[in-house]
Amino acid sequence: AEVVRAVKAGETIGVAFVDPEQVSLFDEGATGAFATDEATVVAVGDDALALLAQVVREGSFVALDVKAELHRVYPADTAEPVAAPDFTVYDADGAAVRLSDFVGTPVVLNFWASWCGPCKSEMPEFNAAWEELEGEVQFLMVNMTDGARETAESAREYVEGEGFTFPVLFDADSEAAIAYSAYSLPTTYFIDAEGYLVARAVGAIDGETLQKGLDLIYPQA
């Protein structure tokens, strides 16, 4: 695959390689890497947000078919934790929902699409955890609603057909995807009650990995 790079000095990033059968990610700590059917694009630095926003608007998300591992966003002993970037998405009624609305409650933030097989493989685990922890941990299941490859209707049809009860939010403006460099799906972040990023996983996670993430932000889980 062709690789296009826009890299700023001092910043590092992984590269996603695409072939017809498999997508793999070298460097689980990568951000801002995404792929289309024709090319792999890595963008960091001054022009990165504009480039990534353009690709997201064109619906160029990729399903990452690897078992994800959980990675701490910052070491446990770091003096200055990383604040989770705020964003606005929309609920089923079209009402705006901001991440900052949930400060005071631990948050599991998941980026997904109904066309993404790896996303669908982890959904039963997320739904079970949501039903167990509703009111204690907030699950934000953010759908990549580009209006072409994925629509609000296709997302709702999938969720309702599977009988999932977790709340679905729609990233119709790609604001959340850009803020979290969520171009490989699924991507999951674990955010503590104070609004700090704690851990993330790029790719599908199993129940054991989900529980590890929950334990980091809500030890009672």
N, C-alpha and C. Protein backbone atom coordinates (compact mmCIF):
# COMPACT_ATOMS: atom_id res chain seq x y z
N ALA A 1 0.83 -1.19 0.00
CA ALA A 1 0.00 0.00 0.00
C ALA A 1 0.87 1.24 0.00
N GLU A 2 0.35 2.28 -0.62
CA GLU A 2 1.04 3.55 -0.61
C GLU A 2 1.00 4.13 0.80
N VAL A 3 2.08 4.76 1.22
CA VAL A 3 2.13 5.39 2.53
C VAL A 3 2.39 6.87 2.36
N VAL A 4 1.51 7.68 2.94
CA VAL A 4 1.65 9.13 2.87
C VAL A 4 1.95 9.61 4.27
N ARG A 5 2.96 10.45 4.43
CA ARG A 5 3.36 10.88 5.77
C ARG A 5 3.39 12.40 5.87
N ALA A 6 2.97 12.90 7.01
CA ALA A 6 3.13 14.31 7.34
C ALA A 6 3.54 14.33 8.80
N VAL A 7 4.83 14.29 9.06
CA VAL A 7 5.34 14.06 10.41
C VAL A 7 6.10 15.28 10.90
N LYS A 8 5.77 15.71 12.10
CA LYS A 8 6.44 16.83 12.72
C LYS A 8 7.61 16.33 13.56
N ALA A 9 8.72 17.05 13.53
CA ALA A 9 9.90 16.65 14.28
C ALA A 9 9.57 16.47 15.75
N GLY A 10 10.10 15.40 16.32
CA GLY A 10 9.90 15.14 17.74
C GLY A 10 8.68 14.32 18.07
N GLU A 11 7.85 14.02 17.07
CA GLU A 11 6.66 13.22 17.31
C GLU A 11 6.82 11.87 16.63
N THR A 12 6.29 10.83 17.25
CA THR A 12 6.39 9.49 16.69
C THR A 12 5.00 8.93 16.47
N ILE A 13 4.92 8.01 15.54
CA ILE A 13 3.62 7.43 15.21
C ILE A 13 3.83 6.06 14.60
N GLY A 14 2.87 5.18 14.80
CA GLY A 14 2.91 3.88 14.15
C GLY A 14 2.32 3.97 12.76
N VAL A 15 2.41 2.88 12.02
CA VAL A 15 1.91 2.84 10.65
C VAL A 15 0.97 1.66 10.49
N ALA A 16 -0.18 1.87 9.93
CA ALA A 16 -1.11 0.78 9.64
C ALA A 16 -0.91 0.34 8.19
N PHE A 17 -0.76 -0.95 7.96
CA PHE A 17 -0.59 -1.49 6.62
C PHE A 17 -1.86 -2.24 6.22
N VAL A 18 -2.25 -2.07 4.99
CA VAL A 18 -3.50 -2.65 4.51
C VAL A 18 -3.22 -3.66 3.41
N ASP A 19 -3.84 -4.83 3.51
CA ASP A 19 -3.93 -5.72 2.36
C ASP A 19 -5.36 -6.27 2.34
N PRO A 20 -5.76 -6.99 1.31
CA PRO A 20 -7.16 -7.40 1.21
C PRO A 20 -7.63 -8.29 2.35
N GLU A 21 -6.70 -8.98 3.04
CA GLU A 21 -7.10 -9.96 4.03
C GLU A 21 -6.95 -9.48 5.47
N GLN A 22 -6.02 -8.60 5.72
CA GLN A 22 -5.69 -8.31 7.11
C GLN A 22 -5.21 -6.89 7.28
N VAL A 23 -5.53 -6.32 8.41
CA VAL A 23 -4.99 -5.02 8.80
C VAL A 23 -4.27 -5.23 10.12
N SER A 24 -3.05 -4.78 10.21
CA SER A 24 -2.31 -4.90 11.47
C SER A 24 -1.72 -3.56 11.82
N LEU A 25 -1.49 -3.36 13.10
CA LEU A 25 -0.95 -2.09 13.57
C LEU A 25 0.37 -2.35 14.26
N PHE A 26 1.43 -1.76 13.76
CA PHE A 26 2.74 -1.85 14.37
C PHE A 26 2.92 -0.62 15.24
N ASP A 27 2.88 -0.82 16.53
CA ASP A 27 2.99 0.24 17.55
C ASP A 27 1.61 0.54 18.10
N GLU A 28 1.27 -0.15 19.19
CA GLU A 28 -0.04 0.03 19.80
C GLU A 28 -0.22 1.44 20.34
N GLY A 29 0.89 2.16 20.50
CA GLY A 29 0.78 3.52 21.01
C GLY A 29 0.55 4.55 19.93
N ALA A 30 0.35 4.10 18.70
CA ALA A 30 0.20 5.04 17.60
C ALA A 30 -1.07 5.85 17.72
N THR A 31 -1.00 7.08 17.28
CA THR A 31 -2.21 7.90 17.16
C THR A 31 -2.18 8.57 15.79
N GLY A 32 -3.35 8.81 15.25
CA GLY A 32 -3.43 9.50 13.98
C GLY A 32 -3.11 8.64 12.78
N ALA A 33 -3.08 7.31 12.95
CA ALA A 33 -2.83 6.43 11.81
C ALA A 33 -4.16 5.83 11.36
N PHE A 34 -4.42 5.85 10.08
CA PHE A 34 -5.63 5.26 9.57
C PHE A 34 -5.36 4.75 8.17
N ALA A 35 -6.29 4.02 7.61
CA ALA A 35 -6.07 3.44 6.30
C ALA A 35 -7.34 3.45 5.48
N THR A 36 -7.17 3.50 4.19
CA THR A 36 -8.29 3.35 3.26
C THR A 36 -8.02 2.10 2.44
N ASP A 37 -8.91 1.78 1.54
CA ASP A 37 -8.69 0.62 0.69
C ASP A 37 -7.50 0.83 -0.25
N GLU A 38 -7.19 2.07 -0.56
CA GLU A 38 -6.14 2.35 -1.53
C GLU A 38 -4.80 2.71 -0.89
N ALA A 39 -4.83 3.28 0.30
CA ALA A 39 -3.59 3.82 0.84
C ALA A 39 -3.60 3.82 2.35
N THR A 40 -2.43 3.83 2.91
CA THR A 40 -2.27 4.01 4.34
C THR A 40 -1.74 5.42 4.56
N VAL A 41 -2.33 6.12 5.50
CA VAL A 41 -1.95 7.50 5.73
C VAL A 41 -1.52 7.68 7.18
N VAL A 42 -0.38 8.31 7.36
CA VAL A 42 0.10 8.64 8.70
C VAL A 42 0.26 10.14 8.75
N ALA A 43 -0.39 10.78 9.70
CA ALA A 43 -0.35 12.24 9.74
C ALA A 43 -0.11 12.72 11.16
N VAL A 44 0.93 13.50 11.34
CA VAL A 44 1.24 14.09 12.64
C VAL A 44 1.73 15.50 12.39
N GLY A 45 1.34 16.43 13.25
CA GLY A 45 1.93 17.75 13.16
C GLY A 45 0.96 18.81 12.67
N ASP A 46 1.51 19.87 12.11
CA ASP A 46 0.74 21.07 11.81
C ASP A 46 -0.42 20.81 10.85
N ASP A 47 -0.23 19.94 9.87
CA ASP A 47 -1.27 19.69 8.88
C ASP A 47 -2.10 18.45 9.18
N ALA A 48 -1.80 17.80 10.30
CA ALA A 48 -2.41 16.50 10.55
C ALA A 48 -3.92 16.59 10.72
N LEU A 49 -4.41 17.51 11.55
CA LEU A 49 -5.84 17.56 11.82
C LEU A 49 -6.64 17.82 10.56
N ALA A 50 -6.16 18.73 9.73
CA ALA A 50 -6.89 19.03 8.49
C ALA A 50 -6.93 17.81 7.58
N LEU A 51 -5.79 17.11 7.48
CA LEU A 51 -5.73 15.93 6.62
C LEU A 51 -6.61 14.82 7.16
N LEU A 52 -6.53 14.57 8.45
CA LEU A 52 -7.33 13.51 9.04
C LEU A 52 -8.81 13.84 8.95
N ALA A 53 -9.17 15.10 9.18
CA ALA A 53 -10.57 15.50 9.08
C ALA A 53 -11.12 15.26 7.68
N GLN A 54 -10.30 15.53 6.67
CA GLN A 54 -10.74 15.32 5.30
C GLN A 54 -11.00 13.84 5.05
N VAL A 55 -10.11 12.99 5.52
CA VAL A 55 -10.28 11.56 5.29
C VAL A 55 -11.48 11.02 6.05
N VAL A 56 -11.66 11.49 7.29
CA VAL A 56 -12.82 11.05 8.06
C VAL A 56 -14.11 11.46 7.38
N ARG A 57 -14.16 12.66 6.85
CA ARG A 57 -15.37 13.11 6.16
C ARG A 57 -15.68 12.22 4.96
N GLU A 58 -14.64 11.64 4.39
CA GLU A 58 -14.84 10.76 3.24
C GLU A 58 -15.17 9.33 3.68
N GLY A 59 -15.26 9.11 4.99
CA GLY A 59 -15.65 7.80 5.49
C GLY A 59 -14.55 6.77 5.47
N SER A 60 -13.31 7.21 5.54
CA SER A 60 -12.19 6.27 5.39
C SER A 60 -11.72 5.74 6.74
N PHE A 61 -12.62 5.08 7.45
CA PHE A 61 -12.23 4.35 8.65
C PHE A 61 -11.86 2.93 8.25
N VAL A 62 -11.11 2.26 9.11
CA VAL A 62 -10.73 0.88 8.79
C VAL A 62 -11.00 0.01 10.01
N ALA A 63 -11.48 -1.20 9.78
CA ALA A 63 -11.67 -2.17 10.86
C ALA A 63 -10.34 -2.84 11.15
N LEU A 64 -9.95 -2.82 12.41
CA LEU A 64 -8.66 -3.38 12.81
C LEU A 64 -8.89 -4.76 13.38
N ASP A 65 -8.56 -5.79 12.61
CA ASP A 65 -8.88 -7.17 12.97
C ASP A 65 -7.72 -7.81 13.72
N VAL A 66 -7.43 -7.27 14.88
CA VAL A 66 -6.42 -7.86 15.77
C VAL A 66 -6.97 -7.83 17.18
N LYS A 67 -6.52 -8.77 18.01
CA LYS A 67 -6.92 -8.76 19.41
C LYS A 67 -6.14 -7.65 20.11
N ALA A 68 -6.84 -6.74 20.72
CA ALA A 68 -6.19 -5.57 21.31
C ALA A 68 -5.68 -5.87 22.71
N GLU A 69 -4.62 -5.19 23.08
CA GLU A 69 -4.11 -5.20 24.43
C GLU A 69 -4.36 -3.83 25.05
N LEU A 70 -4.46 -3.83 26.36
CA LEU A 70 -4.70 -2.58 27.07
C LEU A 70 -3.38 -1.88 27.34
N HIS A 71 -3.33 -0.57 27.08
CA HIS A 71 -2.13 0.21 27.30
C HIS A 71 -2.46 1.42 28.15
N ARG A 72 -1.63 1.67 29.17
CA ARG A 72 -1.82 2.86 29.98
C ARG A 72 -1.51 4.09 29.14
N VAL A 73 -2.35 5.11 29.27
CA VAL A 73 -2.11 6.36 28.56
C VAL A 73 -0.96 7.11 29.20
N TYR A 74 -0.83 7.00 30.50
CA TYR A 74 0.30 7.61 31.20
C TYR A 74 0.70 6.67 32.34
N PRO A 75 1.97 6.64 32.72
CA PRO A 75 2.40 5.78 33.82
C PRO A 75 1.68 6.13 35.11
N ALA A 76 1.51 5.14 35.97
CA ALA A 76 0.75 5.34 37.20
C ALA A 76 1.36 6.41 38.09
N ASP A 77 2.68 6.61 38.00
CA ASP A 77 3.34 7.56 38.88
C ASP A 77 3.56 8.92 38.23
N THR A 78 2.95 9.15 37.06
CA THR A 78 3.11 10.44 36.39
C THR A 78 2.43 11.55 37.20
N ALA A 79 3.14 12.66 37.36
CA ALA A 79 2.61 13.76 38.18
C ALA A 79 1.48 14.50 37.46
N GLU A 80 1.54 14.56 36.15
CA GLU A 80 0.55 15.32 35.39
C GLU A 80 -0.22 14.41 34.45
N PRO A 81 -1.36 13.89 34.88
CA PRO A 81 -2.17 13.03 34.00
C PRO A 81 -2.70 13.81 32.81
N VAL A 82 -3.20 13.08 31.83
CA VAL A 82 -3.66 13.66 30.57
C VAL A 82 -5.18 13.83 30.62
N ALA A 83 -5.64 15.05 30.44
CA ALA A 83 -7.08 15.30 30.42
C ALA A 83 -7.70 14.75 29.14
N ALA A 84 -8.83 14.10 29.27
CA ALA A 84 -9.53 13.58 28.10
C ALA A 84 -10.09 14.73 27.28
N PRO A 85 -9.78 14.80 25.98
CA PRO A 85 -10.33 15.88 25.15
C PRO A 85 -11.86 15.84 25.13
N ASP A 86 -12.45 17.00 25.24
CA ASP A 86 -13.91 17.07 25.21
C ASP A 86 -14.39 17.01 23.75
N PHE A 87 -15.63 16.65 23.56
CA PHE A 87 -16.23 16.61 22.22
C PHE A 87 -17.73 16.63 22.37
N THR A 88 -18.40 16.87 21.25
CA THR A 88 -19.86 16.84 21.21
C THR A 88 -20.31 15.79 20.21
N VAL A 89 -21.20 14.92 20.64
CA VAL A 89 -21.85 13.95 19.76
C VAL A 89 -23.36 14.08 19.99
N TYR A 90 -24.15 13.21 19.38
CA TYR A 90 -25.60 13.38 19.43
C TYR A 90 -26.28 12.06 19.77
N ASP A 91 -27.34 12.16 20.59
CA ASP A 91 -28.07 10.95 20.95
C ASP A 91 -29.14 10.64 19.90
N ALA A 92 -29.94 9.63 20.15
CA ALA A 92 -30.93 9.18 19.16
C ALA A 92 -31.98 10.23 18.86
N ASP A 93 -32.17 11.17 19.79
CA ASP A 93 -33.15 12.24 19.58
C ASP A 93 -32.53 13.49 18.98
N GLY A 94 -31.23 13.44 18.69
CA GLY A 94 -30.55 14.58 18.12
C GLY A 94 -30.04 15.59 19.13
N ALA A 95 -30.16 15.27 20.41
CA ALA A 95 -29.68 16.18 21.45
C ALA A 95 -28.16 16.06 21.59
N ALA A 96 -27.51 17.19 21.79
CA ALA A 96 -26.07 17.21 21.93
C ALA A 96 -25.66 16.59 23.27
N VAL A 97 -24.60 15.79 23.23
CA VAL A 97 -24.04 15.16 24.42
C VAL A 97 -22.54 15.43 24.41
N ARG A 98 -22.02 15.95 25.51
CA ARG A 98 -20.59 16.24 25.62
C ARG A 98 -19.94 15.27 26.59
N LEU A 99 -18.70 14.91 26.32
CA LEU A 99 -17.97 14.07 27.26
C LEU A 99 -17.91 14.72 28.64
N SER A 100 -17.73 16.03 28.68
CA SER A 100 -17.61 16.75 29.94
C SER A 100 -18.88 16.69 30.78
N ASP A 101 -19.99 16.28 30.19
CA ASP A 101 -21.22 16.11 30.95
C ASP A 101 -21.08 15.04 32.02
N PHE A 102 -20.08 14.16 31.86
CA PHE A 102 -19.97 12.99 32.73
C PHE A 102 -18.80 13.06 33.71
N VAL A 103 -18.19 14.24 33.83
CA VAL A 103 -17.15 14.39 34.84
C VAL A 103 -17.75 14.08 36.21
N GLY A 104 -17.04 13.26 36.98
CA GLY A 104 -17.56 12.77 38.25
C GLY A 104 -17.93 11.30 38.17
N THR A 105 -17.99 10.76 36.95
CA THR A 105 -18.31 9.35 36.72
C THR A 105 -17.26 8.75 35.81
N PRO A 106 -16.74 7.55 36.12
CA PRO A 106 -15.82 6.89 35.19
C PRO A 106 -16.51 6.63 33.86
N VAL A 107 -15.74 6.72 32.78
CA VAL A 107 -16.31 6.58 31.43
C VAL A 107 -15.54 5.54 30.62
N VAL A 108 -16.27 4.68 29.95
CA VAL A 108 -15.71 3.81 28.91
C VAL A 108 -16.17 4.40 27.58
N LEU A 109 -15.22 4.82 26.78
CA LEU A 109 -15.49 5.47 25.49
C LEU A 109 -15.09 4.52 24.37
N ASN A 110 -16.08 4.12 23.58
CA ASN A 110 -15.83 3.14 22.52
C ASN A 110 -16.26 3.72 21.17
N PHE A 111 -15.37 3.60 20.18
CA PHE A 111 -15.65 4.03 18.81
C PHE A 111 -15.92 2.79 17.96
N TRP A 112 -17.04 2.79 17.21
CA TRP A 112 -17.44 1.59 16.50
C TRP A 112 -18.26 1.94 15.26
N ALA A 113 -18.51 0.91 14.44
CA ALA A 113 -19.42 1.03 13.30
C ALA A 113 -20.06 -0.32 13.06
N SER A 114 -21.26 -0.32 12.49
CA SER A 114 -21.98 -1.59 12.30
C SER A 114 -21.40 -2.44 11.19
N TRP A 115 -20.59 -1.83 10.29
CA TRP A 115 -19.95 -2.60 9.22
C TRP A 115 -18.65 -3.24 9.70
N CYS A 116 -18.23 -2.94 10.91
CA CYS A 116 -16.94 -3.36 11.44
C CYS A 116 -17.09 -4.67 12.21
N GLY A 117 -16.62 -5.77 11.61
CA GLY A 117 -16.72 -7.07 12.25
C GLY A 117 -16.08 -7.14 13.63
N PRO A 118 -14.84 -6.65 13.79
CA PRO A 118 -14.22 -6.67 15.13
C PRO A 118 -15.01 -5.86 16.15
N CYS A 119 -15.64 -4.76 15.71
CA CYS A 119 -16.48 -3.99 16.63
C CYS A 119 -17.62 -4.86 17.14
N LYS A 120 -18.27 -5.55 16.22
CA LYS A 120 -19.43 -6.35 16.60
C LYS A 120 -19.04 -7.52 17.50
N SER A 121 -17.82 -8.02 17.36
CA SER A 121 -17.40 -9.14 18.19
C SER A 121 -17.30 -8.79 19.66
N GLU A 122 -17.04 -7.53 19.98
CA GLU A 122 -16.88 -7.13 21.38
C GLU A 122 -18.15 -6.55 21.99
N MET A 123 -19.16 -6.30 21.18
CA MET A 123 -20.37 -5.65 21.66
C MET A 123 -21.08 -6.41 22.79
N PRO A 124 -21.20 -7.75 22.73
CA PRO A 124 -21.88 -8.43 23.84
C PRO A 124 -21.20 -8.21 25.18
N GLU A 125 -19.87 -8.15 25.21
CA GLU A 125 -19.15 -7.89 26.46
C GLU A 125 -19.44 -6.48 26.97
N PHE A 126 -19.45 -5.51 26.07
CA PHE A 126 -19.75 -4.14 26.47
C PHE A 126 -21.17 -4.03 26.99
N ASN A 127 -22.09 -4.69 26.33
CA ASN A 127 -23.48 -4.59 26.76
C ASN A 127 -23.68 -5.22 28.13
N ALA A 128 -23.04 -6.37 28.37
CA ALA A 128 -23.15 -7.02 29.67
C ALA A 128 -22.58 -6.14 30.78
N ALA A 129 -21.43 -5.51 30.50
CA ALA A 129 -20.82 -4.63 31.49
C ALA A 129 -21.69 -3.41 31.75
N TRP A 130 -22.27 -2.85 30.68
CA TRP A 130 -23.15 -1.70 30.83
C TRP A 130 -24.35 -2.05 31.70
N GLU A 131 -24.96 -3.19 31.46
CA GLU A 131 -26.14 -3.57 32.23
C GLU A 131 -25.79 -3.81 33.70
N GLU A 132 -24.59 -4.29 33.96
CA GLU A 132 -24.16 -4.53 35.33
C GLU A 132 -23.79 -3.24 36.06
N LEU A 133 -23.20 -2.29 35.35
CA LEU A 133 -22.62 -1.11 35.98
C LEU A 133 -23.38 0.18 35.70
N GLU A 134 -24.54 0.09 35.07
CA GLU A 134 -25.31 1.30 34.74
C GLU A 134 -25.53 2.14 36.00
N GLY A 135 -25.22 3.43 35.88
CA GLY A 135 -25.34 4.33 37.01
C GLY A 135 -24.05 4.49 37.78
N GLU A 136 -23.10 3.57 37.57
CA GLU A 136 -21.82 3.65 38.25
C GLU A 136 -20.69 3.99 37.29
N VAL A 137 -20.74 3.41 36.11
CA VAL A 137 -19.79 3.69 35.04
C VAL A 137 -20.59 4.07 33.80
N GLN A 138 -20.19 5.15 33.14
CA GLN A 138 -20.90 5.58 31.93
C GLN A 138 -20.23 4.98 30.70
N PHE A 139 -21.00 4.30 29.89
CA PHE A 139 -20.50 3.77 28.62
C PHE A 139 -20.96 4.70 27.50
N LEU A 140 -20.01 5.24 26.75
CA LEU A 140 -20.31 6.09 25.60
C LEU A 140 -19.93 5.31 24.34
N MET A 141 -20.93 4.74 23.69
CA MET A 141 -20.71 3.92 22.50
C MET A 141 -20.90 4.83 21.29
N VAL A 142 -19.79 5.39 20.82
CA VAL A 142 -19.83 6.43 19.79
C VAL A 142 -19.73 5.81 18.40
N ASN A 143 -20.79 5.97 17.64
CA ASN A 143 -20.86 5.42 16.29
C ASN A 143 -20.23 6.37 15.28
N MET A 144 -19.45 5.81 14.36
CA MET A 144 -18.79 6.61 13.32
C MET A 144 -19.78 6.87 12.18
N THR A 145 -20.65 7.84 12.39
CA THR A 145 -21.78 8.10 11.50
C THR A 145 -21.35 9.06 10.41
N ASP A 146 -20.76 8.52 9.34
CA ASP A 146 -20.25 9.39 8.27
C ASP A 146 -21.34 9.75 7.25
N GLY A 147 -22.50 9.11 7.36
CA GLY A 147 -23.60 9.41 6.45
C GLY A 147 -23.54 8.66 5.14
N ALA A 148 -22.49 7.91 4.91
CA ALA A 148 -22.35 7.14 3.68
C ALA A 148 -22.19 5.66 4.01
N ARG A 149 -21.00 5.30 4.45
CA ARG A 149 -20.76 3.90 4.83
C ARG A 149 -21.56 3.52 6.07
N GLU A 150 -21.78 4.50 6.94
CA GLU A 150 -22.57 4.28 8.15
C GLU A 150 -23.56 5.42 8.33
N THR A 151 -24.80 5.08 8.62
CA THR A 151 -25.82 6.07 8.91
C THR A 151 -26.39 5.79 10.29
N ALA A 152 -27.10 6.78 10.84
CA ALA A 152 -27.75 6.57 12.13
C ALA A 152 -28.75 5.41 12.03
N GLU A 153 -29.40 5.29 10.89
CA GLU A 153 -30.39 4.23 10.71
C GLU A 153 -29.73 2.86 10.72
N SER A 154 -28.60 2.70 10.03
CA SER A 154 -27.94 1.39 9.99
C SER A 154 -27.39 1.02 11.37
N ALA A 155 -26.91 2.02 12.11
CA ALA A 155 -26.41 1.76 13.45
C ALA A 155 -27.53 1.33 14.38
N ARG A 156 -28.65 2.07 14.35
CA ARG A 156 -29.78 1.73 15.21
C ARG A 156 -30.34 0.37 14.87
N GLU A 157 -30.43 0.07 13.58
CA GLU A 157 -30.96 -1.23 13.16
C GLU A 157 -30.11 -2.37 13.71
N TYR A 158 -28.79 -2.21 13.67
CA TYR A 158 -27.91 -3.25 14.20
C TYR A 158 -28.10 -3.40 15.71
N VAL A 159 -28.06 -2.30 16.44
CA VAL A 159 -28.15 -2.36 17.90
C VAL A 159 -29.49 -2.94 18.34
N GLU A 160 -30.57 -2.49 17.72
CA GLU A 160 -31.89 -2.99 18.08
C GLU A 160 -32.05 -4.46 17.71
N GLY A 161 -31.48 -4.85 16.57
CA GLY A 161 -31.57 -6.23 16.15
C GLY A 161 -30.85 -7.19 17.09
N GLU A 162 -29.78 -6.72 17.70
CA GLU A 162 -29.02 -7.55 18.64
C GLU A 162 -29.57 -7.46 20.06
N GLY A 163 -30.48 -6.52 20.29
CA GLY A 163 -31.05 -6.39 21.62
C GLY A 163 -30.14 -5.70 22.63
N PHE A 164 -29.17 -4.93 22.16
CA PHE A 164 -28.28 -4.22 23.08
C PHE A 164 -29.01 -3.04 23.71
N THR A 165 -28.67 -2.76 24.95
CA THR A 165 -29.36 -1.69 25.68
C THR A 165 -28.48 -0.49 25.97
N PHE A 166 -27.19 -0.58 25.67
CA PHE A 166 -26.32 0.56 25.96
C PHE A 166 -26.70 1.75 25.09
N PRO A 167 -26.43 2.97 25.58
CA PRO A 167 -26.78 4.16 24.81
C PRO A 167 -25.83 4.35 23.64
N VAL A 168 -26.39 4.60 22.48
CA VAL A 168 -25.60 4.84 21.27
C VAL A 168 -25.57 6.33 20.98
N LEU A 169 -24.38 6.83 20.70
CA LEU A 169 -24.20 8.23 20.34
C LEU A 169 -23.63 8.31 18.93
N PHE A 170 -23.94 9.40 18.23
CA PHE A 170 -23.60 9.51 16.82
C PHE A 170 -22.61 10.65 16.59
N ASP A 171 -21.47 10.31 15.99
CA ASP A 171 -20.41 11.29 15.73
C ASP A 171 -20.58 11.83 14.31
N ALA A 172 -21.68 12.51 14.09
CA ALA A 172 -22.04 12.96 12.74
C ALA A 172 -21.07 13.99 12.19
N ASP A 173 -20.39 14.74 13.05
CA ASP A 173 -19.45 15.76 12.61
C ASP A 173 -17.99 15.29 12.68
N SER A 174 -17.78 14.03 13.06
CA SER A 174 -16.44 13.45 13.21
C SER A 174 -15.60 14.17 14.26
N GLU A 175 -16.25 14.93 15.12
CA GLU A 175 -15.51 15.69 16.13
C GLU A 175 -14.81 14.76 17.12
N ALA A 176 -15.51 13.73 17.58
CA ALA A 176 -14.92 12.82 18.55
C ALA A 176 -13.81 11.98 17.92
N ALA A 177 -14.04 11.50 16.70
CA ALA A 177 -13.03 10.68 16.03
C ALA A 177 -11.74 11.45 15.84
N ILE A 178 -11.84 12.72 15.47
CA ILE A 178 -10.66 13.54 15.26
C ILE A 178 -9.96 13.79 16.59
N ALA A 179 -10.73 14.10 17.63
CA ALA A 179 -10.14 14.40 18.94
C ALA A 179 -9.37 13.22 19.50
N TYR A 180 -9.80 12.00 19.17
CA TYR A 180 -9.17 10.80 19.73
C TYR A 180 -8.42 9.98 18.68
N SER A 181 -8.23 10.53 17.49
CA SER A 181 -7.53 9.82 16.42
C SER A 181 -8.09 8.41 16.24
N ALA A 182 -9.41 8.31 16.28
CA ALA A 182 -10.06 7.00 16.21
C ALA A 182 -10.37 6.65 14.76
N TYR A 183 -9.35 6.30 14.01
CA TYR A 183 -9.52 5.96 12.60
C TYR A 183 -9.44 4.46 12.35
N SER A 184 -8.86 3.73 13.31
CA SER A 184 -8.90 2.27 13.29
C SER A 184 -9.98 1.84 14.28
N LEU A 185 -10.90 1.03 13.84
CA LEU A 185 -12.03 0.61 14.66
C LEU A 185 -11.93 -0.88 14.98
N PRO A 186 -12.37 -1.28 16.18
CA PRO A 186 -12.82 -0.42 17.27
C PRO A 186 -11.64 0.19 18.04
N THR A 187 -11.90 1.28 18.71
CA THR A 187 -10.94 1.90 19.63
C THR A 187 -11.67 2.20 20.92
N THR A 188 -11.05 1.89 22.05
CA THR A 188 -11.68 2.07 23.35
C THR A 188 -10.75 2.84 24.28
N TYR A 189 -11.30 3.82 24.98
CA TYR A 189 -10.57 4.57 26.00
C TYR A 189 -11.26 4.39 27.34
N PHE A 190 -10.45 4.35 28.39
CA PHE A 190 -10.95 4.29 29.76
C PHE A 190 -10.57 5.61 30.44
N ILE A 191 -11.58 6.32 30.95
CA ILE A 191 -11.41 7.66 31.49
C ILE A 191 -11.89 7.66 32.94
N ASP A 192 -11.07 8.19 33.85
CA ASP A 192 -11.45 8.14 35.26
C ASP A 192 -12.48 9.22 35.60
N ALA A 193 -12.96 9.19 36.83
CA ALA A 193 -14.04 10.09 37.23
C ALA A 193 -13.63 11.55 37.22
N GLU A 194 -12.33 11.82 37.27
CA GLU A 194 -11.85 13.20 37.24
C GLU A 194 -11.66 13.71 35.81
N GLY A 195 -11.93 12.86 34.83
CA GLY A 195 -11.84 13.27 33.44
C GLY A 195 -10.47 13.09 32.82
N TYR A 196 -9.64 12.19 33.40
CA TYR A 196 -8.31 11.94 32.86
C TYR A 196 -8.27 10.61 32.10
N LEU A 197 -7.52 10.61 31.00
CA LEU A 197 -7.31 9.38 30.24
C LEU A 197 -6.45 8.43 31.06
N VAL A 198 -6.88 7.19 31.15
CA VAL A 198 -6.14 6.20 31.93
C VAL A 198 -5.55 5.11 31.04
N ALA A 199 -6.36 4.56 30.13
CA ALA A 199 -5.89 3.46 29.29
C ALA A 199 -6.68 3.45 27.99
N ARG A 200 -6.12 2.73 27.00
CA ARG A 200 -6.83 2.58 25.74
C ARG A 200 -6.44 1.28 25.07
N ALA A 201 -7.28 0.86 24.14
CA ALA A 201 -7.01 -0.33 23.34
C ALA A 201 -7.46 -0.05 21.92
N VAL A 202 -6.63 -0.42 20.95
CA VAL A 202 -6.95 -0.25 19.54
C VAL A 202 -7.14 -1.65 18.95
N GLY A 203 -8.37 -1.96 18.56
CA GLY A 203 -8.73 -3.30 18.13
C GLY A 203 -9.76 -3.87 19.09
N ALA A 204 -10.30 -5.03 18.76
CA ALA A 204 -11.35 -5.64 19.59
C ALA A 204 -10.77 -6.14 20.90
N ILE A 205 -11.51 -5.96 21.99
CA ILE A 205 -11.09 -6.46 23.28
C ILE A 205 -12.06 -7.52 23.76
N ASP A 206 -11.54 -8.46 24.56
CA ASP A 206 -12.40 -9.50 25.12
C ASP A 206 -12.85 -9.08 26.51
N GLY A 207 -13.65 -9.92 27.14
CA GLY A 207 -14.20 -9.59 28.44
C GLY A 207 -13.13 -9.38 29.50
N GLU A 208 -12.08 -10.18 29.45
CA GLU A 208 -11.01 -10.05 30.43
C GLU A 208 -10.31 -8.70 30.31
N THR A 209 -10.04 -8.28 29.07
CA THR A 209 -9.37 -6.99 28.85
C THR A 209 -10.29 -5.83 29.24
N LEU A 210 -11.57 -5.95 28.93
CA LEU A 210 -12.52 -4.93 29.34
C LEU A 210 -12.53 -4.79 30.86
N GLN A 211 -12.51 -5.92 31.55
CA GLN A 211 -12.51 -5.88 33.01
C GLN A 211 -11.25 -5.21 33.55
N LYS A 212 -10.11 -5.47 32.93
CA LYS A 212 -8.87 -4.82 33.36
C LYS A 212 -8.98 -3.31 33.24
N GLY A 213 -9.56 -2.85 32.13
CA GLY A 213 -9.75 -1.42 31.96
C GLY A 213 -10.70 -0.84 32.99
N LEU A 214 -11.78 -1.56 33.25
CA LEU A 214 -12.73 -1.10 34.26
C LEU A 214 -12.09 -1.03 35.63
N ASP A 215 -11.24 -2.00 35.96
CA ASP A 215 -10.58 -2.01 37.26
C ASP A 215 -9.69 -0.78 37.44
N LEU A 216 -9.17 -0.25 36.35
CA LEU A 216 -8.30 0.92 36.43
C LEU A 216 -9.07 2.20 36.75
N ILE A 217 -10.33 2.26 36.34
CA ILE A 217 -11.11 3.49 36.54
C ILE A 217 -12.20 3.34 37.58
N TYR A 218 -12.53 2.09 37.92
CA TYR A 218 -13.58 1.84 38.90
C TYR A 218 -13.28 0.52 39.60
N PRO A 219 -12.42 0.57 40.62
CA PRO A 219 -11.94 -0.67 41.26
C PRO A 219 -13.04 -1.56 41.81
N GLN A 220 -14.24 -1.00 42.04
CA GLN A 220 -15.33 -1.81 42.58
C GLN A 220 -15.98 -2.68 41.52
N ALA A 221 -15.62 -2.45 40.24
CA ALA A 221 -16.29 -3.17 39.14
C ALA A 221 -16.07 -4.68 39.25
